[in-house]
Protein backbone atom coordinates (compact mmCIF):
# COMPACT_ATOMS: atom_id res chain seq x y z
CA MET A 1 224.38 82.48 209.17
CA PRO A 2 221.70 82.98 212.03
CA VAL A 3 219.15 85.89 211.20
CA PHE A 4 216.68 87.95 212.92
CA ASN A 5 215.25 90.79 211.41
CA GLY A 6 218.76 91.10 209.45
CA ALA A 7 216.98 93.37 206.76
CA ARG A 8 219.55 95.58 206.62
CA THR A 9 223.16 93.55 206.33
CA VAL A 10 222.61 90.20 205.31
CA ARG A 11 222.58 90.55 201.99
CA GLN A 12 226.04 91.70 201.81
CA SER A 13 227.14 89.13 205.00
CA ILE A 14 225.75 86.32 202.25
CA ALA A 15 227.80 88.19 199.27
CA SER A 16 231.48 87.68 201.79
CA VAL A 17 230.57 84.07 202.04
CA LEU A 18 229.96 82.95 198.37
CA ASP A 19 232.12 85.22 197.49
CA GLN A 20 235.07 83.48 198.75
CA THR A 21 237.95 82.18 196.99
CA CYS A 22 237.11 78.47 198.07
CA ARG A 23 233.69 78.05 195.87
CA ASP A 24 233.03 74.32 197.30
CA LEU A 25 230.71 75.19 200.18
CA GLU A 26 227.51 75.20 201.37
CA LEU A 27 225.66 78.38 203.26
CA ILE A 28 223.04 77.57 205.58
CA VAL A 29 220.79 80.62 206.62
CA VAL A 30 219.09 80.17 209.87
CA ASP A 31 216.22 82.17 209.67
CA ASP A 32 215.34 82.92 213.44
CA GLY A 33 211.40 83.94 213.11
CA SER A 34 212.30 87.36 211.15
CA THR A 35 209.14 89.32 210.98
CA ASP A 36 211.22 91.92 208.37
CA GLU A 37 212.00 91.47 204.89
CA THR A 38 214.67 89.37 205.25
CA VAL A 39 212.54 86.27 204.05
CA GLY A 40 212.49 87.83 200.66
CA ILE A 41 216.26 89.39 200.50
CA VAL A 42 217.45 85.51 201.22
CA ASP A 43 215.03 83.61 199.06
CA ASP A 44 215.95 86.19 196.31
CA ILE A 45 219.86 85.39 196.65
CA ARG A 46 218.76 81.66 197.07
CA ARG A 47 217.02 81.46 193.62
CA TYR A 48 220.17 82.70 191.55
CA ASP A 49 223.03 80.24 193.76
CA ARG A 50 222.07 77.22 195.04
CA ARG A 51 224.70 76.85 197.78
CA VAL A 52 222.57 78.28 199.86
CA ARG A 53 220.06 76.80 201.67
CA VAL A 54 217.34 78.32 204.27
CA VAL A 55 216.68 76.85 207.54
CA ARG A 56 213.19 78.76 208.60
CA ARG A 57 212.50 78.39 212.35
CA GLU A 58 208.90 79.90 213.43
CA ARG A 59 210.11 81.99 216.71
CA SER A 60 213.25 83.14 217.55
CA GLY A 61 215.59 80.54 220.12
CA GLY A 62 218.50 82.75 220.47
CA PRO A 63 222.20 82.34 219.08
CA ALA A 64 222.60 78.68 219.93
CA ALA A 65 219.89 77.65 218.89
CA ALA A 66 219.55 79.05 215.39
CA ARG A 67 223.38 78.28 214.95
CA ASN A 68 222.46 74.13 216.11
CA SER A 69 219.15 74.48 213.77
CA GLY A 70 222.18 75.27 211.04
CA ILE A 71 224.57 72.88 212.26
CA ALA A 72 222.34 69.63 212.40
CA GLU A 73 221.94 70.23 208.11
CA ALA A 74 225.37 70.27 207.78
CA ARG A 75 226.91 68.20 204.37
CA GLY A 76 230.46 69.56 204.80
CA ARG A 77 233.48 67.95 206.98
CA PHE A 78 234.16 71.78 207.90
CA LEU A 79 232.00 73.84 210.31
CA ALA A 80 232.09 77.80 210.26
CA PHE A 81 230.23 80.34 211.62
CA CYS A 82 229.29 84.04 210.21
CA ASP A 83 226.40 85.70 211.73
CA ALA A 84 223.60 87.63 210.11
CA ASP A 85 225.90 91.63 210.30
CA ASP A 86 229.75 90.61 209.93
CA LEU A 87 231.88 89.89 206.99
CA TRP A 88 234.28 87.29 205.28
CA LEU A 89 237.36 88.18 203.42
CA PRO A 90 237.84 86.85 200.19
CA ASP A 91 240.67 84.32 201.11
CA LYS A 92 239.17 83.61 204.77
CA LEU A 93 238.03 80.56 204.52
CA ALA A 94 240.60 78.78 201.96
CA ARG A 95 243.75 80.22 204.28
CA GLN A 96 242.71 78.22 207.22
CA LEU A 97 240.83 75.05 205.12
CA GLU A 98 244.85 75.26 204.31
CA LEU A 99 245.86 75.34 207.81
CA ALA A 100 243.46 72.73 209.68
CA MET A 101 244.60 70.27 206.50
CA THR A 102 248.45 71.25 207.19
CA ASP A 103 248.04 71.58 211.13
CA GLY A 104 245.73 68.91 211.78
CA ALA A 105 244.29 70.63 214.37
CA PRO A 106 240.37 70.77 215.62
CA LEU A 107 239.57 74.27 215.38
CA VAL A 108 241.28 76.91 213.65
CA TYR A 109 240.54 80.72 213.82
CA CYS A 110 241.91 83.99 212.76
CA GLY A 111 241.95 87.94 213.48
CA TYR A 112 239.65 90.55 212.44
CA HIS A 113 239.00 94.15 211.84
CA ARG A 114 236.50 95.74 214.25
CA ILE A 115 233.83 97.76 212.19
CA ASP A 116 231.69 100.70 212.94
CA ALA A 117 227.49 99.37 213.15
CA ASP A 118 226.51 101.59 210.31
CA TYR A 119 229.30 100.47 207.58
CA ALA A 120 227.18 99.42 204.41
CA GLY A 121 229.85 98.45 202.58
CA ASN A 122 231.11 94.87 201.18
CA ALA A 123 233.63 93.08 202.35
CA THR A 124 235.57 93.45 198.84
CA ASP A 125 235.39 97.58 199.26
CA PHE A 126 236.92 97.28 202.97
CA HIS A 127 240.38 99.57 203.78
CA SER A 128 241.60 99.02 207.32
CA GLU A 129 241.34 101.66 209.66
CA GLY A 130 243.78 99.53 212.05
CA ARG A 131 241.04 98.58 214.57
CA VAL A 132 242.43 95.04 214.22
CA VAL A 133 242.45 92.49 216.81
CA ARG A 134 245.20 90.52 217.23
CA VAL A 135 245.30 86.48 218.27
CA PRO A 136 247.96 83.90 218.79
CA THR A 137 249.05 81.12 216.64
CA THR A 138 248.44 78.65 219.34
CA LEU A 139 245.63 78.35 221.78
CA THR A 140 245.93 75.90 224.47
CA TYR A 141 242.98 74.52 226.93
CA ALA A 142 244.43 76.75 229.91
CA GLU A 143 245.07 79.71 227.83
CA LEU A 144 241.75 79.62 226.26
CA LEU A 145 239.93 79.46 229.97
CA ARG A 146 241.71 82.48 230.45
CA ARG A 147 240.33 84.31 227.54
CA ASN A 148 237.77 83.90 224.38
CA VAL A 149 240.13 85.29 221.84
CA ILE A 150 238.70 83.26 218.97
CA GLY A 151 235.66 85.54 217.49
CA ASN A 152 232.88 82.98 216.70
CA LEU A 153 233.08 85.22 212.71
CA THR A 154 236.14 83.44 212.60
CA ALA A 155 236.09 79.86 213.72
CA VAL A 156 236.05 76.96 211.47
CA VAL A 157 235.98 72.94 213.15
CA ASP A 158 237.09 69.94 211.44
CA THR A 159 234.27 67.46 212.33
CA HIS A 160 235.89 64.66 211.17
CA LEU A 161 238.05 65.35 214.30
CA THR A 162 235.75 66.70 217.11
CA GLY A 163 232.88 64.35 216.35
CA PRO A 164 228.83 66.29 216.37
CA VAL A 165 228.82 69.16 217.87
CA SER A 166 226.31 72.02 219.04
CA MET A 167 226.44 75.84 220.81
CA PRO A 168 225.37 75.43 224.46
CA ASP A 169 222.82 77.55 225.01
CA VAL A 170 224.64 80.05 227.32
CA PRO A 171 223.48 83.39 225.89
CA GLY A 172 226.16 85.34 225.42
CA ALA A 173 228.74 82.68 225.52
CA GLU A 174 227.73 80.35 223.90
CA ASP A 175 230.37 79.71 220.92
CA TRP A 176 233.11 79.90 223.97
CA ALA A 177 231.52 77.34 225.73
CA LEU A 178 231.76 75.19 222.18
CA TRP A 179 235.76 76.46 222.00
CA LEU A 180 236.34 75.43 225.27
CA ARG A 181 234.66 71.74 225.03
CA ILE A 182 236.34 71.77 221.72
CA VAL A 183 240.18 72.37 223.00
CA ARG A 184 240.01 70.07 225.71
CA GLU A 185 238.55 66.70 224.29
CA SER A 186 240.44 67.47 220.90
CA GLY A 187 243.51 69.16 221.05
CA ALA A 188 244.83 72.77 221.32
CA ALA A 189 243.89 75.55 218.44
CA VAL A 190 245.52 77.30 215.84
CA GLY A 191 245.06 80.60 214.21
CA ILE A 192 246.04 82.71 211.85
CA ASP A 193 247.61 85.93 213.42
CA GLU A 194 246.00 88.32 210.28
CA PRO A 195 242.49 89.80 210.21
CA LEU A 196 240.35 87.79 207.76
CA ALA A 197 237.13 88.87 208.79
CA LEU A 198 234.91 92.02 209.74
CA TYR A 199 233.00 92.60 212.85
CA ARG A 200 230.53 94.71 213.32
CA ALA A 201 230.19 96.64 216.52
CA SER A 202 227.05 95.71 218.50
CA GLN A 203 223.30 97.18 217.50
CA PRO A 204 221.68 98.19 220.08
CA GLY A 205 219.45 95.54 221.46
CA SER A 206 221.23 92.72 220.01
CA HIS A 207 222.46 90.11 221.90
CA SER A 208 226.44 90.71 222.17
CA ALA A 209 225.31 94.28 223.42
CA ASP A 210 223.88 93.18 226.98
CA ARG A 211 227.43 92.56 228.87
CA TRP A 212 225.62 92.33 232.13
CA ARG A 213 223.96 89.10 230.75
CA ALA A 214 227.78 88.27 229.06
CA VAL A 215 229.38 87.98 232.74
CA ARG A 216 226.62 85.76 233.97
CA ALA A 217 227.27 83.49 230.81
CA VAL A 218 231.07 83.80 231.43
CA TRP A 219 230.72 82.50 235.30
CA HIS A 220 228.09 79.39 234.46
CA VAL A 221 230.31 78.27 231.58
CA LEU A 222 233.54 78.17 233.74
CA ARG A 223 231.20 76.84 237.44
CA ARG A 224 228.66 74.12 235.75
CA GLN A 225 231.22 73.52 232.59
CA GLU A 226 234.32 73.35 233.22
CA LYS A 227 233.69 72.76 237.20
CA LEU A 228 236.31 75.38 238.32
CA SER A 229 236.47 76.36 242.32
CA VAL A 230 234.42 79.93 243.19
CA PRO A 231 238.11 81.34 243.51
CA SER A 232 239.46 79.71 240.20
CA ALA A 233 236.67 80.78 238.06
CA ALA A 234 236.65 84.19 239.53
CA VAL A 235 240.28 84.87 238.55
CA HIS A 236 239.05 83.71 235.26
CA LEU A 237 236.26 85.58 235.45
CA LEU A 238 237.97 88.48 235.85
CA THR A 239 240.97 88.16 233.58
CA GLY A 240 238.16 87.35 230.60
CA VAL A 241 236.41 90.69 231.89
CA VAL A 242 239.81 93.11 231.37
CA ALA A 243 240.55 91.06 227.82
CA ALA A 244 237.24 92.46 226.55
CA LEU A 245 237.38 95.44 227.58
CA ARG A 246 240.67 95.90 225.74
CA LYS A 247 239.58 94.45 222.42
CA ASN A 248 236.40 96.54 222.51
CA GLN A 249 238.61 99.47 222.70
CA ILE A 250 240.03 98.57 219.50
């Protein structure tokens, strides 16, 4: 869980992870150079729940660098991601781990609810408003290349199948770049077409709020990482933009 000046939401996000029905977990909170009350909040929680570990970065390096700092400290077989303004529903992790073990997929994901930026409740308080992002139950490399349907807050990676992983430093598309590498190298991903997490709408000034940067990032991944030709990359970029616009209307 990377966090930068997330005092307003980080307590609820941490609670949603610690309240999982799957209790055997560690939560690595990566403080990315926060200057607000974030550090004190996380330290308070860590005192009563030793499953919480903290990594401190002296200055902000962005989402990929922060997540990679956490990945480097992780001791478990499975990696899962939750930003400091997003929430997991209580059985999210248990259901995904069960699917990962039975299916043998390197990457598991699920659907999620979209919630307002000012949502102040906990995951256990949430009542659906019908704003659900649906997902396919399987996802090949070719399908993922056309559009990213894997919300970062829903991904679970089996490192026994993938080997060591890290997020490429491509601001705006770092998670998608990693999913593509995993599916290309280790096999298709599988999903649960039910909303098991809560994605908070972008805050003003957040990394995900910069749409033009996201478009440039997608182009970078298509051309430099996946080595697509200009015409092919342009078609995939357009497909992805249309899909993102539709998702943002939910």
